[in-house]
């Protein structure tokens, strides 16, 4: 780092600064209590290199990050892999505090780019498409209309893959 460097780390999903360094002011700060404390006691900022480490990551930490040094911006993507035993249930949380009137929430099984669940708040409708993909999700999907969470029950290997929330 140079004597006049100002470095900012931002979590882009919520456009929130989570760490910053001002070398000239000798200030090294992590903002681990932002965003409902999801980063609390998890951020480590290296004063020599400006590197940021997130420890004990969870699905809430997945997303895009931005590193800004003066006028240069570098983007990083963090993917969190959830490990589940066959037969267990897994809940995918969108991390919403509430669903707004105009929200349209779509869950996709990315391996096949297939829509598997939708909440349309404006139309006051909720739909689970568990018969798609040869019925592999039949009677296994539960969609929470309050939080937008998707639960897959009695998981099997055929449910492994990437899921996307829009």
C-alpha atoms as a PDB file:
ATOM      1  CA  UNK A   1       0.000   0.000   0.000  1.00  0.00           C
ATOM      2  CA  UNK A   2       1.085   3.549  -0.690  1.00  0.00           C
ATOM      3  CA  UNK A   3       1.079   6.449   1.788  1.00  0.00           C
ATOM      4  CA  UNK A   4      -2.022   8.068   0.313  1.00  0.00           C
ATOM      5  CA  UNK A   5      -4.084   4.942  -0.393  1.00  0.00           C
ATOM      6  CA  UNK A   6      -7.743   4.794   0.516  1.00  0.00           C
ATOM      7  CA  UNK A   7      -9.170   1.300   0.113  1.00  0.00           C
ATOM      8  CA  UNK A   8     -12.820   0.281   0.432  1.00  0.00           C
ATOM      9  CA  UNK A   9     -14.347  -3.179   0.463  1.00  0.00           C
ATOM     10  CA  UNK A  10     -18.051  -3.276  -0.420  1.00  0.00           C
ATOM     11  CA  UNK A  11     -20.678  -6.054  -0.313  1.00  0.00           C
ATOM     12  CA  UNK A  12     -22.559  -5.276  -3.519  1.00  0.00           C
ATOM     13  CA  UNK A  13     -25.792  -7.176  -2.829  1.00  0.00           C
ATOM     14  CA  UNK A  14     -26.649  -4.465  -0.315  1.00  0.00           C
ATOM     15  CA  UNK A  15     -24.198  -1.818  -1.625  1.00  0.00           C
ATOM     16  CA  UNK A  16     -22.605  -1.588   1.824  1.00  0.00           C
ATOM     17  CA  UNK A  17     -19.037  -0.758   2.821  1.00  0.00           C
ATOM     18  CA  UNK A  18     -17.751  -3.550   5.069  1.00  0.00           C
ATOM     19  CA  UNK A  19     -14.114  -2.450   5.473  1.00  0.00           C
ATOM     20  CA  UNK A  20     -11.908   0.487   4.662  1.00  0.00           C
ATOM     21  CA  UNK A  21      -8.328   1.614   5.000  1.00  0.00           C
ATOM     22  CA  UNK A  22      -7.067   5.170   4.996  1.00  0.00           C
ATOM     23  CA  UNK A  23      -3.278   4.902   5.114  1.00  0.00           C
ATOM     24  CA  UNK A  24      -2.651   8.641   5.550  1.00  0.00           C
ATOM     25  CA  UNK A  25      -5.042   8.842   8.523  1.00  0.00           C
ATOM     26  CA  UNK A  26      -3.700   5.504   9.836  1.00  0.00           C
ATOM     27  CA  UNK A  27      -7.279   4.200   9.985  1.00  0.00           C
ATOM     28  CA  UNK A  28      -8.091   0.513   9.440  1.00  0.00           C
ATOM     29  CA  UNK A  29     -11.777  -0.204  10.008  1.00  0.00           C
ATOM     30  CA  UNK A  30     -14.079  -3.189   9.583  1.00  0.00           C
ATOM     31  CA  UNK A  31     -17.826  -2.596   9.713  1.00  0.00           C
ATOM     32  CA  UNK A  32     -18.883  -6.016  10.892  1.00  0.00           C
ATOM     33  CA  UNK A  33     -22.146  -4.891  12.524  1.00  0.00           C
ATOM     34  CA  UNK A  34     -23.741  -3.739   9.254  1.00  0.00           C
ATOM     35  CA  UNK A  35     -26.480  -5.746   7.525  1.00  0.00           C
ATOM     36  CA  UNK A  36     -27.980  -7.261  10.682  1.00  0.00           C
ATOM     37  CA  UNK A  37     -24.523  -8.278  11.915  1.00  0.00           C
ATOM     38  CA  UNK A  38     -23.958 -10.970   9.265  1.00  0.00           C
ATOM     39  CA  UNK A  39     -20.229 -10.110   9.257  1.00  0.00           C
ATOM     40  CA  UNK A  40     -19.866  -9.816  13.048  1.00  0.00           C
ATOM     41  CA  UNK A  41     -16.506 -11.243  14.198  1.00  0.00           C
ATOM     42  CA  UNK A  42     -15.906 -12.648  10.684  1.00  0.00           C
ATOM     43  CA  UNK A  43     -13.876  -9.904   8.965  1.00  0.00           C
ATOM     44  CA  UNK A  44     -10.090  -9.773   9.125  1.00  0.00           C
ATOM     45  CA  UNK A  45      -8.333  -6.864   7.417  1.00  0.00           C
ATOM     46  CA  UNK A  46      -4.611  -7.199   6.655  1.00  0.00           C
ATOM     47  CA  UNK A  47      -2.930  -3.866   7.398  1.00  0.00           C
ATOM     48  CA  UNK A  48       0.060  -4.680   5.194  1.00  0.00           C
ATOM     49  CA  UNK A  49      -1.688  -5.802   2.002  1.00  0.00           C
ATOM     50  CA  UNK A  50      -5.280  -4.545   2.342  1.00  0.00           C
ATOM     51  CA  UNK A  51      -6.585  -8.101   1.913  1.00  0.00           C
ATOM     52  CA  UNK A  52      -9.939  -8.900   3.461  1.00  0.00           C
ATOM     53  CA  UNK A  53     -10.709 -12.351   4.851  1.00  0.00           C
ATOM     54  CA  UNK A  54     -14.213 -13.535   5.720  1.00  0.00           C
ATOM     55  CA  UNK A  55     -14.121 -16.408   8.205  1.00  0.00           C
ATOM     56  CA  UNK A  56     -16.870 -18.955   8.919  1.00  0.00           C
ATOM     57  CA  UNK A  57     -18.770 -18.097   5.742  1.00  0.00           C
ATOM     58  CA  UNK A  58     -22.440 -18.931   5.352  1.00  0.00           C
ATOM     59  CA  UNK A  59     -24.914 -18.583   2.501  1.00  0.00           C
ATOM     60  CA  UNK A  60     -25.559 -14.989   3.677  1.00  0.00           C
ATOM     61  CA  UNK A  61     -22.040 -14.044   2.597  1.00  0.00           C
ATOM     62  CA  UNK A  62     -22.417 -15.286  -0.982  1.00  0.00           C
ATOM     63  CA  UNK A  63     -22.456 -12.613  -3.639  1.00  0.00           C
ATOM     64  CA  UNK A  64     -20.419  -9.973  -5.369  1.00  0.00           C
ATOM     65  CA  UNK A  65     -17.766  -7.894  -3.618  1.00  0.00           C
ATOM     66  CA  UNK A  66     -15.996  -4.775  -4.798  1.00  0.00           C
ATOM     67  CA  UNK A  67     -12.510  -3.595  -3.894  1.00  0.00           C
ATOM     68  CA  UNK A  68     -11.946   0.091  -4.608  1.00  0.00           C
ATOM     69  CA  UNK A  69      -8.464   1.592  -4.544  1.00  0.00           C
ATOM     70  CA  UNK A  70      -8.609   5.223  -5.612  1.00  0.00           C
ATOM     71  CA  UNK A  71     -10.306   5.049  -9.034  1.00  0.00           C
ATOM     72  CA  UNK A  72      -9.691   1.357  -9.680  1.00  0.00           C
ATOM     73  CA  UNK A  73     -12.397  -1.166  -8.914  1.00  0.00           C
ATOM     74  CA  UNK A  74     -11.932  -4.918  -8.784  1.00  0.00           C
ATOM     75  CA  UNK A  75     -14.855  -7.311  -8.418  1.00  0.00           C
ATOM     76  CA  UNK A  76     -14.958 -10.678  -6.688  1.00  0.00           C
ATOM     77  CA  UNK A  77     -17.668 -13.284  -6.549  1.00  0.00           C
ATOM     78  CA  UNK A  78     -18.083 -15.511  -3.496  1.00  0.00           C
ATOM     79  CA  UNK A  79     -19.993 -18.756  -3.889  1.00  0.00           C
ATOM     80  CA  UNK A  80     -20.948 -20.716  -0.790  1.00  0.00           C
ATOM     81  CA  UNK A  81     -21.488 -24.431  -1.144  1.00  0.00           C
ATOM     82  CA  UNK A  82     -24.025 -26.017   1.184  1.00  0.00           C
ATOM     83  CA  UNK A  83     -23.372 -29.631   2.049  1.00  0.00           C
ATOM     84  CA  UNK A  84     -26.414 -31.781   2.846  1.00  0.00           C
ATOM     85  CA  UNK A  85     -26.719 -35.459   3.647  1.00  0.00           C
ATOM     86  CA  UNK A  86     -29.066 -37.450   1.455  1.00  0.00           C
ATOM     87  CA  UNK A  87     -32.528 -37.527   3.047  1.00  0.00           C
ATOM     88  CA  UNK A  88     -32.025 -34.225   4.896  1.00  0.00           C
ATOM     89  CA  UNK A  89     -33.881 -31.017   4.195  1.00  0.00           C
ATOM     90  CA  UNK A  90     -32.183 -27.807   3.138  1.00  0.00           C
ATOM     91  CA  UNK A  91     -33.601 -24.295   3.276  1.00  0.00           C
ATOM     92  CA  UNK A  92     -32.382 -21.619   0.884  1.00  0.00           C
ATOM     93  CA  UNK A  93     -32.970 -18.183   2.374  1.00  0.00           C
ATOM     94  CA  UNK A  94     -33.163 -15.028   0.265  1.00  0.00           C
ATOM     95  CA  UNK A  95     -32.267 -12.939   3.334  1.00  0.00           C
ATOM     96  CA  UNK A  96     -35.231 -10.608   2.923  1.00  0.00           C
ATOM     97  CA  UNK A  97     -36.693  -8.879   5.944  1.00  0.00           C
ATOM     98  CA  UNK A  98     -40.000  -8.598   4.121  1.00  0.00           C
ATOM     99  CA  UNK A  99     -41.493  -9.098   0.696  1.00  0.00           C
ATOM    100  CA  UNK A 100     -42.739  -5.847  -0.817  1.00  0.00           C
ATOM    101  CA  UNK A 101     -45.908  -5.284  -2.847  1.00  0.00           C
ATOM    102  CA  UNK A 102     -44.120  -5.167  -6.219  1.00  0.00           C
ATOM    103  CA  UNK A 103     -41.760  -8.080  -5.569  1.00  0.00           C
ATOM    104  CA  UNK A 104     -41.567 -11.019  -7.919  1.00  0.00           C
ATOM    105  CA  UNK A 105     -39.405 -13.800  -6.472  1.00  0.00           C
ATOM    106  CA  UNK A 106     -38.254 -16.641  -8.704  1.00  0.00           C
ATOM    107  CA  UNK A 107     -36.264 -19.718  -7.697  1.00  0.00           C
ATOM    108  CA  UNK A 108     -34.473 -21.610 -10.478  1.00  0.00           C
ATOM    109  CA  UNK A 109     -32.600 -24.877 -10.576  1.00  0.00           C
ATOM    110  CA  UNK A 110     -29.612 -23.537 -12.523  1.00  0.00           C
ATOM    111  CA  UNK A 111     -28.293 -26.925 -13.678  1.00  0.00           C
ATOM    112  CA  UNK A 112     -31.239 -27.074 -16.074  1.00  0.00           C
ATOM    113  CA  UNK A 113     -32.192 -23.359 -15.970  1.00  0.00           C
ATOM    114  CA  UNK A 114     -35.656 -24.411 -14.847  1.00  0.00           C
ATOM    115  CA  UNK A 115     -38.122 -22.339 -12.842  1.00  0.00           C
ATOM    116  CA  UNK A 116     -39.178 -24.282  -9.722  1.00  0.00           C
ATOM    117  CA  UNK A 117     -40.955 -21.712  -7.526  1.00  0.00           C
ATOM    118  CA  UNK A 118     -42.456 -18.198  -7.766  1.00  0.00           C
ATOM    119  CA  UNK A 119     -43.949 -15.625  -5.437  1.00  0.00           C
ATOM    120  CA  UNK A 120     -45.767 -12.735  -7.108  1.00  0.00           C
ATOM    121  CA  UNK A 121     -46.702 -10.413  -4.271  1.00  0.00           C
ATOM    122  CA  UNK A 122     -48.715  -8.002  -6.430  1.00  0.00           C
ATOM    123  CA  UNK A 123     -50.886 -10.840  -7.805  1.00  0.00           C
ATOM    124  CA  UNK A 124     -50.935 -12.420  -4.324  1.00  0.00           C
ATOM    125  CA  UNK A 125     -49.876 -15.730  -5.835  1.00  0.00           C
ATOM    126  CA  UNK A 126     -47.435 -18.428  -4.890  1.00  0.00           C
ATOM    127  CA  UNK A 127     -46.526 -21.349  -7.136  1.00  0.00           C
ATOM    128  CA  UNK A 128     -44.302 -24.388  -6.796  1.00  0.00           C
ATOM    129  CA  UNK A 129     -43.381 -26.240  -9.992  1.00  0.00           C
ATOM    130  CA  UNK A 130     -42.418 -29.595  -8.538  1.00  0.00           C
ATOM    131  CA  UNK A 131     -43.422 -31.645 -11.604  1.00  0.00           C
ATOM    132  CA  UNK A 132     -40.678 -30.187 -13.814  1.00  0.00           C
ATOM    133  CA  UNK A 133     -37.537 -32.139 -14.667  1.00  0.00           C
ATOM    134  CA  UNK A 134     -39.226 -35.548 -14.670  1.00  0.00           C
ATOM    135  CA  UNK A 135     -40.804 -34.819 -11.278  1.00  0.00           C
ATOM    136  CA  UNK A 136     -37.512 -34.855  -9.346  1.00  0.00           C
ATOM    137  CA  UNK A 137     -38.884 -32.197  -6.961  1.00  0.00           C
ATOM    138  CA  UNK A 138     -42.372 -33.737  -6.615  1.00  0.00           C
ATOM    139  CA  UNK A 139     -43.710 -33.192  -3.062  1.00  0.00           C
ATOM    140  CA  UNK A 140     -40.297 -31.910  -1.940  1.00  0.00           C
ATOM    141  CA  UNK A 141     -40.569 -28.114  -2.362  1.00  0.00           C
ATOM    142  CA  UNK A 142     -41.944 -25.804   0.301  1.00  0.00           C
ATOM    143  CA  UNK A 143     -42.054 -22.069  -0.366  1.00  0.00           C
ATOM    144  CA  UNK A 144     -42.515 -19.611   2.505  1.00  0.00           C
ATOM    145  CA  UNK A 145     -44.708 -16.739   1.297  1.00  0.00           C
ATOM    146  CA  UNK A 146     -43.563 -14.465   4.145  1.00  0.00           C
ATOM    147  CA  UNK A 147     -39.780 -14.796   3.734  1.00  0.00           C
ATOM    148  CA  UNK A 148     -39.367 -16.219   0.222  1.00  0.00           C
ATOM    149  CA  UNK A 149     -37.362 -19.151   1.607  1.00  0.00           C
ATOM    150  CA  UNK A 150     -37.350 -22.353  -0.395  1.00  0.00           C
ATOM    151  CA  UNK A 151     -37.051 -25.672   1.438  1.00  0.00           C
ATOM    152  CA  UNK A 152     -36.178 -28.888  -0.354  1.00  0.00           C
ATOM    153  CA  UNK A 153     -37.165 -31.901   1.728  1.00  0.00           C
ATOM    154  CA  UNK A 154     -35.858 -35.455   1.563  1.00  0.00           C
ATOM    155  CA  UNK A 155     -32.947 -34.482  -0.685  1.00  0.00           C
ATOM    156  CA  UNK A 156     -31.310 -36.886  -3.145  1.00  0.00           C
ATOM    157  CA  UNK A 157     -28.241 -36.633  -5.375  1.00  0.00           C
ATOM    158  CA  UNK A 158     -30.442 -35.496  -8.266  1.00  0.00           C
ATOM    159  CA  UNK A 159     -31.179 -32.294  -6.281  1.00  0.00           C
ATOM    160  CA  UNK A 160     -27.493 -31.347  -6.093  1.00  0.00           C
ATOM    161  CA  UNK A 161     -26.575 -28.315  -8.141  1.00  0.00           C
ATOM    162  CA  UNK A 162     -26.829 -24.571  -8.349  1.00  0.00           C
ATOM    163  CA  UNK A 163     -29.950 -22.701  -7.342  1.00  0.00           C
ATOM    164  CA  UNK A 164     -30.629 -19.110  -8.282  1.00  0.00           C
ATOM    165  CA  UNK A 165     -32.871 -16.528  -6.688  1.00  0.00           C
ATOM    166  CA  UNK A 166     -34.149 -13.657  -8.814  1.00  0.00           C
END
